[in-house]
Amino acid sequence: LAGARLPAAWRVLRAVPDADTLLE
């Protein structure tokens, strides 16, 4: 999923889902 071409309109974070990332 991190390497997939996703729609530009989507909000995508390529990161480990820790508390800070989830809040972001």
mmCIF file of all heavy atoms, coordinates in Angstrom:
data_MODEL
# 
_entry.id   MODEL 
# 
loop_
_atom_site.group_PDB 
_atom_site.id 
_atom_site.type_symbol 
_atom_site.label_atom_id 
_atom_site.label_alt_id 
_atom_site.label_comp_id 
_atom_site.label_asym_id 
_atom_site.label_entity_id 
_atom_site.label_seq_id 
_atom_site.pdbx_PDB_ins_code 
_atom_site.Cartn_x 
_atom_site.Cartn_y 
_atom_site.Cartn_z 
_atom_site.occupancy 
_atom_site.B_iso_or_equiv 
_atom_site.pdbx_formal_charge 
_atom_site.auth_seq_id 
_atom_site.auth_comp_id 
_atom_site.auth_asym_id 
_atom_site.auth_atom_id 
_atom_site.pdbx_PDB_model_num 
ATOM 1   N N   . LEU A 1 1  ? 0.822  -1.211 0.000   1.00 0.00 ? 1  LEU A N   1 
ATOM 2   C CA  . LEU A 1 1  ? 0.000  0.000  0.000   1.00 0.00 ? 1  LEU A CA  1 
ATOM 3   C C   . LEU A 1 1  ? 0.856  1.261  0.000   1.00 0.00 ? 1  LEU A C   1 
ATOM 4   O O   . LEU A 1 1  ? 0.531  2.236  -0.667  1.00 0.00 ? 1  LEU A O   1 
ATOM 5   C CB  . LEU A 1 1  ? -0.952 -0.009 1.204   1.00 0.00 ? 1  LEU A CB  1 
ATOM 6   C CG  . LEU A 1 1  ? -2.006 1.091  1.249   1.00 0.00 ? 1  LEU A CG  1 
ATOM 7   C CD1 . LEU A 1 1  ? -2.914 1.037  0.024   1.00 0.00 ? 1  LEU A CD1 1 
ATOM 8   C CD2 . LEU A 1 1  ? -2.833 0.982  2.521   1.00 0.00 ? 1  LEU A CD2 1 
ATOM 9   N N   . ALA A 1 2  ? 1.966  1.236  0.736   1.00 0.00 ? 2  ALA A N   1 
ATOM 10  C CA  . ALA A 1 2  ? 2.845  2.414  0.786   1.00 0.00 ? 2  ALA A CA  1 
ATOM 11  C C   . ALA A 1 2  ? 3.451  2.710  -0.583  1.00 0.00 ? 2  ALA A C   1 
ATOM 12  O O   . ALA A 1 2  ? 3.717  3.868  -0.912  1.00 0.00 ? 2  ALA A O   1 
ATOM 13  C CB  . ALA A 1 2  ? 3.942  2.214  1.821   1.00 0.00 ? 2  ALA A CB  1 
ATOM 14  N N   . GLY A 1 3  ? 3.640  1.676  -1.395  1.00 0.00 ? 3  GLY A N   1 
ATOM 15  C CA  . GLY A 1 3  ? 4.219  1.871  -2.727  1.00 0.00 ? 3  GLY A CA  1 
ATOM 16  C C   . GLY A 1 3  ? 3.195  2.051  -3.829  1.00 0.00 ? 3  GLY A C   1 
ATOM 17  O O   . GLY A 1 3  ? 3.553  2.358  -4.968  1.00 0.00 ? 3  GLY A O   1 
ATOM 18  N N   . ALA A 1 4  ? 1.925  1.864  -3.505  1.00 0.00 ? 4  ALA A N   1 
ATOM 19  C CA  . ALA A 1 4  ? 0.879  1.955  -4.519  1.00 0.00 ? 4  ALA A CA  1 
ATOM 20  C C   . ALA A 1 4  ? 0.630  3.401  -4.936  1.00 0.00 ? 4  ALA A C   1 
ATOM 21  O O   . ALA A 1 4  ? 0.801  4.325  -4.133  1.00 0.00 ? 4  ALA A O   1 
ATOM 22  C CB  . ALA A 1 4  ? -0.416 1.342  -3.984  1.00 0.00 ? 4  ALA A CB  1 
ATOM 23  N N   . ARG A 1 5  ? 0.217  3.576  -6.175  1.00 0.00 ? 5  ARG A N   1 
ATOM 24  C CA  . ARG A 1 5  ? -0.182 4.905  -6.647  1.00 0.00 ? 5  ARG A CA  1 
ATOM 25  C C   . ARG A 1 5  ? -1.616 5.134  -6.209  1.00 0.00 ? 5  ARG A C   1 
ATOM 26  O O   . ARG A 1 5  ? -2.533 4.514  -6.734  1.00 0.00 ? 5  ARG A O   1 
ATOM 27  C CB  . ARG A 1 5  ? -0.042 4.994  -8.158  1.00 0.00 ? 5  ARG A CB  1 
ATOM 28  C CG  . ARG A 1 5  ? 1.418  4.932  -8.592  1.00 0.00 ? 5  ARG A CG  1 
ATOM 29  C CD  . ARG A 1 5  ? 1.575  5.108  -10.052 1.00 0.00 ? 5  ARG A CD  1 
ATOM 30  N NE  . ARG A 1 5  ? 0.970  6.377  -10.451 1.00 0.00 ? 5  ARG A NE  1 
ATOM 31  C CZ  . ARG A 1 5  ? 0.889  6.790  -11.692 1.00 0.00 ? 5  ARG A CZ  1 
ATOM 32  N NH1 . ARG A 1 5  ? 1.350  6.054  -12.658 1.00 0.00 ? 5  ARG A NH1 1 
ATOM 33  N NH2 . ARG A 1 5  ? 0.317  7.932  -11.991 1.00 0.00 ? 5  ARG A NH2 1 
ATOM 34  N N   . LEU A 1 6  ? -1.795 6.013  -5.244  1.00 0.00 ? 6  LEU A N   1 
ATOM 35  C CA  . LEU A 1 6  ? -3.112 6.292  -4.690  1.00 0.00 ? 6  LEU A CA  1 
ATOM 36  C C   . LEU A 1 6  ? -3.592 7.642  -5.196  1.00 0.00 ? 6  LEU A C   1 
ATOM 37  O O   . LEU A 1 6  ? -2.786 8.502  -5.573  1.00 0.00 ? 6  LEU A O   1 
ATOM 38  C CB  . LEU A 1 6  ? -3.039 6.280  -3.161  1.00 0.00 ? 6  LEU A CB  1 
ATOM 39  C CG  . LEU A 1 6  ? -2.526 4.968  -2.548  1.00 0.00 ? 6  LEU A CG  1 
ATOM 40  C CD1 . LEU A 1 6  ? -2.375 5.101  -1.044  1.00 0.00 ? 6  LEU A CD1 1 
ATOM 41  C CD2 . LEU A 1 6  ? -3.444 3.820  -2.909  1.00 0.00 ? 6  LEU A CD2 1 
ATOM 42  N N   . PRO A 1 7  ? -4.894 7.866  -5.220  1.00 0.00 ? 7  PRO A N   1 
ATOM 43  C CA  . PRO A 1 7  ? -5.415 9.154  -5.702  1.00 0.00 ? 7  PRO A CA  1 
ATOM 44  C C   . PRO A 1 7  ? -4.796 10.339 -4.958  1.00 0.00 ? 7  PRO A C   1 
ATOM 45  O O   . PRO A 1 7  ? -4.635 10.306 -3.735  1.00 0.00 ? 7  PRO A O   1 
ATOM 46  C CB  . PRO A 1 7  ? -6.917 9.041  -5.418  1.00 0.00 ? 7  PRO A CB  1 
ATOM 47  C CG  . PRO A 1 7  ? -7.192 7.570  -5.450  1.00 0.00 ? 7  PRO A CG  1 
ATOM 48  C CD  . PRO A 1 7  ? -5.979 6.934  -4.857  1.00 0.00 ? 7  PRO A CD  1 
ATOM 49  N N   . ALA A 1 8  ? -4.454 11.365 -5.710  1.00 0.00 ? 8  ALA A N   1 
ATOM 50  C CA  . ALA A 1 8  ? -3.818 12.549 -5.133  1.00 0.00 ? 8  ALA A CA  1 
ATOM 51  C C   . ALA A 1 8  ? -4.714 13.230 -4.098  1.00 0.00 ? 8  ALA A C   1 
ATOM 52  O O   . ALA A 1 8  ? -4.217 13.881 -3.171  1.00 0.00 ? 8  ALA A O   1 
ATOM 53  C CB  . ALA A 1 8  ? -3.440 13.535 -6.238  1.00 0.00 ? 8  ALA A CB  1 
ATOM 54  N N   . ALA A 1 9  ? -6.016 13.086 -4.230  1.00 0.00 ? 9  ALA A N   1 
ATOM 55  C CA  . ALA A 1 9  ? -6.948 13.727 -3.301  1.00 0.00 ? 9  ALA A CA  1 
ATOM 56  C C   . ALA A 1 9  ? -6.971 13.041 -1.930  1.00 0.00 ? 9  ALA A C   1 
ATOM 57  O O   . ALA A 1 9  ? -7.466 13.615 -0.967  1.00 0.00 ? 9  ALA A O   1 
ATOM 58  C CB  . ALA A 1 9  ? -8.356 13.737 -3.892  1.00 0.00 ? 9  ALA A CB  1 
ATOM 59  N N   . TRP A 1 10 ? -6.442 11.829 -1.844  1.00 0.00 ? 10 TRP A N   1 
ATOM 60  C CA  . TRP A 1 10 ? -6.453 11.106 -0.572  1.00 0.00 ? 10 TRP A CA  1 
ATOM 61  C C   . TRP A 1 10 ? -5.352 11.605 0.343   1.00 0.00 ? 10 TRP A C   1 
ATOM 62  O O   . TRP A 1 10 ? -4.249 11.911 -0.107  1.00 0.00 ? 10 TRP A O   1 
ATOM 63  C CB  . TRP A 1 10 ? -6.256 9.626  -0.794  1.00 0.00 ? 10 TRP A CB  1 
ATOM 64  C CG  . TRP A 1 10 ? -7.410 8.909  -1.419  1.00 0.00 ? 10 TRP A CG  1 
ATOM 65  C CD1 . TRP A 1 10 ? -8.557 9.466  -1.922  1.00 0.00 ? 10 TRP A CD1 1 
ATOM 66  C CD2 . TRP A 1 10 ? -7.513 7.504  -1.621  1.00 0.00 ? 10 TRP A CD2 1 
ATOM 67  N NE1 . TRP A 1 10 ? -9.370 8.487  -2.419  1.00 0.00 ? 10 TRP A NE1 1 
ATOM 68  C CE2 . TRP A 1 10 ? -8.756 7.266  -2.237  1.00 0.00 ? 10 TRP A CE2 1 
ATOM 69  C CE3 . TRP A 1 10 ? -6.694 6.438  -1.337  1.00 0.00 ? 10 TRP A CE3 1 
ATOM 70  C CZ2 . TRP A 1 10 ? -9.187 5.991  -2.589  1.00 0.00 ? 10 TRP A CZ2 1 
ATOM 71  C CZ3 . TRP A 1 10 ? -7.114 5.167  -1.672  1.00 0.00 ? 10 TRP A CZ3 1 
ATOM 72  C CH2 . TRP A 1 10 ? -8.354 4.958  -2.287  1.00 0.00 ? 10 TRP A CH2 1 
ATOM 73  N N   . ARG A 1 11 ? -5.670 11.655 1.621   1.00 0.00 ? 11 ARG A N   1 
ATOM 74  C CA  . ARG A 1 11 ? -4.648 11.989 2.618   1.00 0.00 ? 11 ARG A CA  1 
ATOM 75  C C   . ARG A 1 11 ? -3.955 10.686 3.011   1.00 0.00 ? 11 ARG A C   1 
ATOM 76  O O   . ARG A 1 11 ? -4.567 9.791  3.585   1.00 0.00 ? 11 ARG A O   1 
ATOM 77  C CB  . ARG A 1 11 ? -5.292 12.646 3.829   1.00 0.00 ? 11 ARG A CB  1 
ATOM 78  C CG  . ARG A 1 11 ? -4.265 13.022 4.858   1.00 0.00 ? 11 ARG A CG  1 
ATOM 79  C CD  . ARG A 1 11 ? -4.886 13.705 6.045   1.00 0.00 ? 11 ARG A CD  1 
ATOM 80  N NE  . ARG A 1 11 ? -3.897 13.712 7.077   1.00 0.00 ? 11 ARG A NE  1 
ATOM 81  C CZ  . ARG A 1 11 ? -3.404 14.797 7.623   1.00 0.00 ? 11 ARG A CZ  1 
ATOM 82  N NH1 . ARG A 1 11 ? -3.857 15.958 7.263   1.00 0.00 ? 11 ARG A NH1 1 
ATOM 83  N NH2 . ARG A 1 11 ? -2.487 14.701 8.553   1.00 0.00 ? 11 ARG A NH2 1 
ATOM 84  N N   . VAL A 1 12 ? -2.664 10.575 2.685   1.00 0.00 ? 12 VAL A N   1 
ATOM 85  C CA  . VAL A 1 12 ? -1.908 9.352  2.920   1.00 0.00 ? 12 VAL A CA  1 
ATOM 86  C C   . VAL A 1 12 ? -0.638 9.675  3.692   1.00 0.00 ? 12 VAL A C   1 
ATOM 87  O O   . VAL A 1 12 ? 0.124  10.548 3.301   1.00 0.00 ? 12 VAL A O   1 
ATOM 88  C CB  . VAL A 1 12 ? -1.529 8.662  1.586   1.00 0.00 ? 12 VAL A CB  1 
ATOM 89  C CG1 . VAL A 1 12 ? -0.729 7.394  1.841   1.00 0.00 ? 12 VAL A CG1 1 
ATOM 90  C CG2 . VAL A 1 12 ? -2.774 8.367  0.760   1.00 0.00 ? 12 VAL A CG2 1 
ATOM 91  N N   . LEU A 1 13 ? -0.445 8.962  4.787   1.00 0.00 ? 13 LEU A N   1 
ATOM 92  C CA  . LEU A 1 13 ? 0.788  9.058  5.555   1.00 0.00 ? 13 LEU A CA  1 
ATOM 93  C C   . LEU A 1 13 ? 1.485  7.709  5.443   1.00 0.00 ? 13 LEU A C   1 
ATOM 94  O O   . LEU A 1 13 ? 0.889  6.684  5.757   1.00 0.00 ? 13 LEU A O   1 
ATOM 95  C CB  . LEU A 1 13 ? 0.509  9.367  7.030   1.00 0.00 ? 13 LEU A CB  1 
ATOM 96  C CG  . LEU A 1 13 ? 0.000  10.770 7.361   1.00 0.00 ? 13 LEU A CG  1 
ATOM 97  C CD1 . LEU A 1 13 ? -1.481 10.878 7.109   1.00 0.00 ? 13 LEU A CD1 1 
ATOM 98  C CD2 . LEU A 1 13 ? 0.310  11.080 8.799   1.00 0.00 ? 13 LEU A CD2 1 
ATOM 99  N N   . ARG A 1 14 ? 2.702  7.715  4.986   1.00 0.00 ? 14 ARG A N   1 
ATOM 100 C CA  . ARG A 1 14 ? 3.476  6.474  4.894   1.00 0.00 ? 14 ARG A CA  1 
ATOM 101 C C   . ARG A 1 14 ? 4.370  6.433  6.119   1.00 0.00 ? 14 ARG A C   1 
ATOM 102 O O   . ARG A 1 14 ? 5.486  6.946  6.106   1.00 0.00 ? 14 ARG A O   1 
ATOM 103 C CB  . ARG A 1 14 ? 4.253  6.447  3.586   1.00 0.00 ? 14 ARG A CB  1 
ATOM 104 C CG  . ARG A 1 14 ? 3.330  6.289  2.382   1.00 0.00 ? 14 ARG A CG  1 
ATOM 105 C CD  . ARG A 1 14 ? 4.012  6.516  1.046   1.00 0.00 ? 14 ARG A CD  1 
ATOM 106 N NE  . ARG A 1 14 ? 3.136  6.224  -0.067  1.00 0.00 ? 14 ARG A NE  1 
ATOM 107 C CZ  . ARG A 1 14 ? 2.246  7.083  -0.571  1.00 0.00 ? 14 ARG A CZ  1 
ATOM 108 N NH1 . ARG A 1 14 ? 2.108  8.279  -0.053  1.00 0.00 ? 14 ARG A NH1 1 
ATOM 109 N NH2 . ARG A 1 14 ? 1.481  6.721  -1.592  1.00 0.00 ? 14 ARG A NH2 1 
ATOM 110 N N   . ALA A 1 15 ? 3.844  5.808  7.182   1.00 0.00 ? 15 ALA A N   1 
ATOM 111 C CA  . ALA A 1 15 ? 4.528  5.837  8.477   1.00 0.00 ? 15 ALA A CA  1 
ATOM 112 C C   . ALA A 1 15 ? 4.039  4.712  9.371   1.00 0.00 ? 15 ALA A C   1 
ATOM 113 O O   . ALA A 1 15 ? 2.987  4.115  9.117   1.00 0.00 ? 15 ALA A O   1 
ATOM 114 C CB  . ALA A 1 15 ? 4.270  7.186  9.161   1.00 0.00 ? 15 ALA A CB  1 
ATOM 115 N N   . VAL A 1 16 ? 4.783  4.447  10.419  1.00 0.00 ? 16 VAL A N   1 
ATOM 116 C CA  . VAL A 1 16 ? 4.371  3.489  11.435  1.00 0.00 ? 16 VAL A CA  1 
ATOM 117 C C   . VAL A 1 16 ? 3.203  4.104  12.200  1.00 0.00 ? 16 VAL A C   1 
ATOM 118 O O   . VAL A 1 16 ? 3.250  5.286  12.560  1.00 0.00 ? 16 VAL A O   1 
ATOM 119 C CB  . VAL A 1 16 ? 5.553  3.182  12.380  1.00 0.00 ? 16 VAL A CB  1 
ATOM 120 C CG1 . VAL A 1 16 ? 5.117  2.285  13.515  1.00 0.00 ? 16 VAL A CG1 1 
ATOM 121 C CG2 . VAL A 1 16 ? 6.697  2.558  11.598  1.00 0.00 ? 16 VAL A CG2 1 
ATOM 122 N N   . PRO A 1 17 ? 2.140  3.359  12.480  1.00 0.00 ? 17 PRO A N   1 
ATOM 123 C CA  . PRO A 1 17 ? 0.955  3.939  13.122  1.00 0.00 ? 17 PRO A CA  1 
ATOM 124 C C   . PRO A 1 17 ? 1.090  4.082  14.646  1.00 0.00 ? 17 PRO A C   1 
ATOM 125 O O   . PRO A 1 17 ? 0.362  3.481  15.413  1.00 0.00 ? 17 PRO A O   1 
ATOM 126 C CB  . PRO A 1 17 ? -0.154 2.945  12.754  1.00 0.00 ? 17 PRO A CB  1 
ATOM 127 C CG  . PRO A 1 17 ? 0.559  1.641  12.628  1.00 0.00 ? 17 PRO A CG  1 
ATOM 128 C CD  . PRO A 1 17 ? 1.913  1.965  12.067  1.00 0.00 ? 17 PRO A CD  1 
ATOM 129 N N   . ASP A 1 18 ? 2.042  4.935  15.069  1.00 0.00 ? 18 ASP A N   1 
ATOM 130 C CA  . ASP A 1 18 ? 2.163  5.217  16.496  1.00 0.00 ? 18 ASP A CA  1 
ATOM 131 C C   . ASP A 1 18 ? 1.216  6.353  16.857  1.00 0.00 ? 18 ASP A C   1 
ATOM 132 O O   . ASP A 1 18 ? 0.506  6.891  16.001  1.00 0.00 ? 18 ASP A O   1 
ATOM 133 C CB  . ASP A 1 18 ? 3.617  5.538  16.871  1.00 0.00 ? 18 ASP A CB  1 
ATOM 134 C CG  . ASP A 1 18 ? 4.184  6.723  16.097  1.00 0.00 ? 18 ASP A CG  1 
ATOM 135 O OD1 . ASP A 1 18 ? 3.409  7.558  15.575  1.00 0.00 ? 18 ASP A OD1 1 
ATOM 136 O OD2 . ASP A 1 18 ? 5.416  6.817  16.006  1.00 0.00 ? 18 ASP A OD2 1 
ATOM 137 N N   . ALA A 1 19 ? 1.184  6.729  18.128  1.00 0.00 ? 19 ALA A N   1 
ATOM 138 C CA  . ALA A 1 19 ? 0.224  7.738  18.600  1.00 0.00 ? 19 ALA A CA  1 
ATOM 139 C C   . ALA A 1 19 ? 0.381  9.057  17.847  1.00 0.00 ? 19 ALA A C   1 
ATOM 140 O O   . ALA A 1 19 ? -0.614 9.670  17.451  1.00 0.00 ? 19 ALA A O   1 
ATOM 141 C CB  . ALA A 1 19 ? 0.379  7.950  20.102  1.00 0.00 ? 19 ALA A CB  1 
ATOM 142 N N   . ASP A 1 20 ? 1.618  9.505  17.630  1.00 0.00 ? 20 ASP A N   1 
ATOM 143 C CA  . ASP A 1 20 ? 1.828  10.779 16.933  1.00 0.00 ? 20 ASP A CA  1 
ATOM 144 C C   . ASP A 1 20 ? 1.320  10.718 15.493  1.00 0.00 ? 20 ASP A C   1 
ATOM 145 O O   . ASP A 1 20 ? 0.676  11.653 15.014  1.00 0.00 ? 20 ASP A O   1 
ATOM 146 C CB  . ASP A 1 20 ? 3.312  11.159 16.949  1.00 0.00 ? 20 ASP A CB  1 
ATOM 147 C CG  . ASP A 1 20 ? 3.800  11.541 18.341  1.00 0.00 ? 20 ASP A CG  1 
ATOM 148 O OD1 . ASP A 1 20 ? 2.970  11.939 19.183  1.00 0.00 ? 20 ASP A OD1 1 
ATOM 149 O OD2 . ASP A 1 20 ? 5.021  11.427 18.592  1.00 0.00 ? 20 ASP A OD2 1 
ATOM 150 N N   . THR A 1 21 ? 1.609  9.631  14.806  1.00 0.00 ? 21 THR A N   1 
ATOM 151 C CA  . THR A 1 21 ? 1.142  9.472  13.423  1.00 0.00 ? 21 THR A CA  1 
ATOM 152 C C   . THR A 1 21 ? -0.375 9.440  13.362  1.00 0.00 ? 21 THR A C   1 
ATOM 153 O O   . THR A 1 21 ? -0.991 10.063 12.490  1.00 0.00 ? 21 THR A O   1 
ATOM 154 C CB  . THR A 1 21 ? 1.727  8.199  12.800  1.00 0.00 ? 21 THR A CB  1 
ATOM 155 O OG1 . THR A 1 21 ? 3.157  8.280  12.819  1.00 0.00 ? 21 THR A OG1 1 
ATOM 156 C CG2 . THR A 1 21 ? 1.239  8.007  11.376  1.00 0.00 ? 21 THR A CG2 1 
ATOM 157 N N   . LEU A 1 22 ? -0.999 8.708  14.292  1.00 0.00 ? 22 LEU A N   1 
ATOM 158 C CA  . LEU A 1 22 ? -2.467 8.627  14.301  1.00 0.00 ? 22 LEU A CA  1 
ATOM 159 C C   . LEU A 1 22 ? -3.088 10.000 14.529  1.00 0.00 ? 22 LEU A C   1 
ATOM 160 O O   . LEU A 1 22 ? -4.087 10.347 13.889  1.00 0.00 ? 22 LEU A O   1 
ATOM 161 C CB  . LEU A 1 22 ? -2.933 7.635  15.357  1.00 0.00 ? 22 LEU A CB  1 
ATOM 162 C CG  . LEU A 1 22 ? -2.551 6.179  15.099  1.00 0.00 ? 22 LEU A CG  1 
ATOM 163 C CD1 . LEU A 1 22 ? -2.989 5.303  16.261  1.00 0.00 ? 22 LEU A CD1 1 
ATOM 164 C CD2 . LEU A 1 22 ? -3.114 5.682  13.789  1.00 0.00 ? 22 LEU A CD2 1 
ATOM 165 N N   . LEU A 1 23 ? -2.508 10.786 15.426  1.00 0.00 ? 23 LEU A N   1 
ATOM 166 C CA  . LEU A 1 23 ? -3.027 12.141 15.656  1.00 0.00 ? 23 LEU A CA  1 
ATOM 167 C C   . LEU A 1 23 ? -2.828 13.006 14.419  1.00 0.00 ? 23 LEU A C   1 
ATOM 168 O O   . LEU A 1 23 ? -3.716 13.780 14.042  1.00 0.00 ? 23 LEU A O   1 
ATOM 169 C CB  . LEU A 1 23 ? -2.378 12.761 16.889  1.00 0.00 ? 23 LEU A CB  1 
ATOM 170 C CG  . LEU A 1 23 ? -2.814 12.128 18.215  1.00 0.00 ? 23 LEU A CG  1 
ATOM 171 C CD1 . LEU A 1 23 ? -1.960 12.646 19.367  1.00 0.00 ? 23 LEU A CD1 1 
ATOM 172 C CD2 . LEU A 1 23 ? -4.292 12.378 18.476  1.00 0.00 ? 23 LEU A CD2 1 
ATOM 173 N N   . GLU A 1 24 ? -1.684 12.865 13.756  1.00 0.00 ? 24 GLU A N   1 
ATOM 174 C CA  . GLU A 1 24 ? -1.437 13.610 12.521  1.00 0.00 ? 24 GLU A CA  1 
ATOM 175 C C   . GLU A 1 24 ? -2.429 13.217 11.433  1.00 0.00 ? 24 GLU A C   1 
ATOM 176 O O   . GLU A 1 24 ? -2.833 14.046 10.607  1.00 0.00 ? 24 GLU A O   1 
ATOM 177 C CB  . GLU A 1 24 ? -0.001 13.354 12.041  1.00 0.00 ? 24 GLU A CB  1 
ATOM 178 C CG  . GLU A 1 24 ? 0.379  14.159 10.826  1.00 0.00 ? 24 GLU A CG  1 
ATOM 179 C CD  . GLU A 1 24 ? 1.805  13.884 10.355  1.00 0.00 ? 24 GLU A CD  1 
ATOM 180 O OE1 . GLU A 1 24 ? 2.594  13.279 11.101  1.00 0.00 ? 24 GLU A OE1 1 
ATOM 181 O OE2 . GLU A 1 24 ? 2.112  14.276 9.213   1.00 0.00 ? 24 GLU A OE2 1 
# 
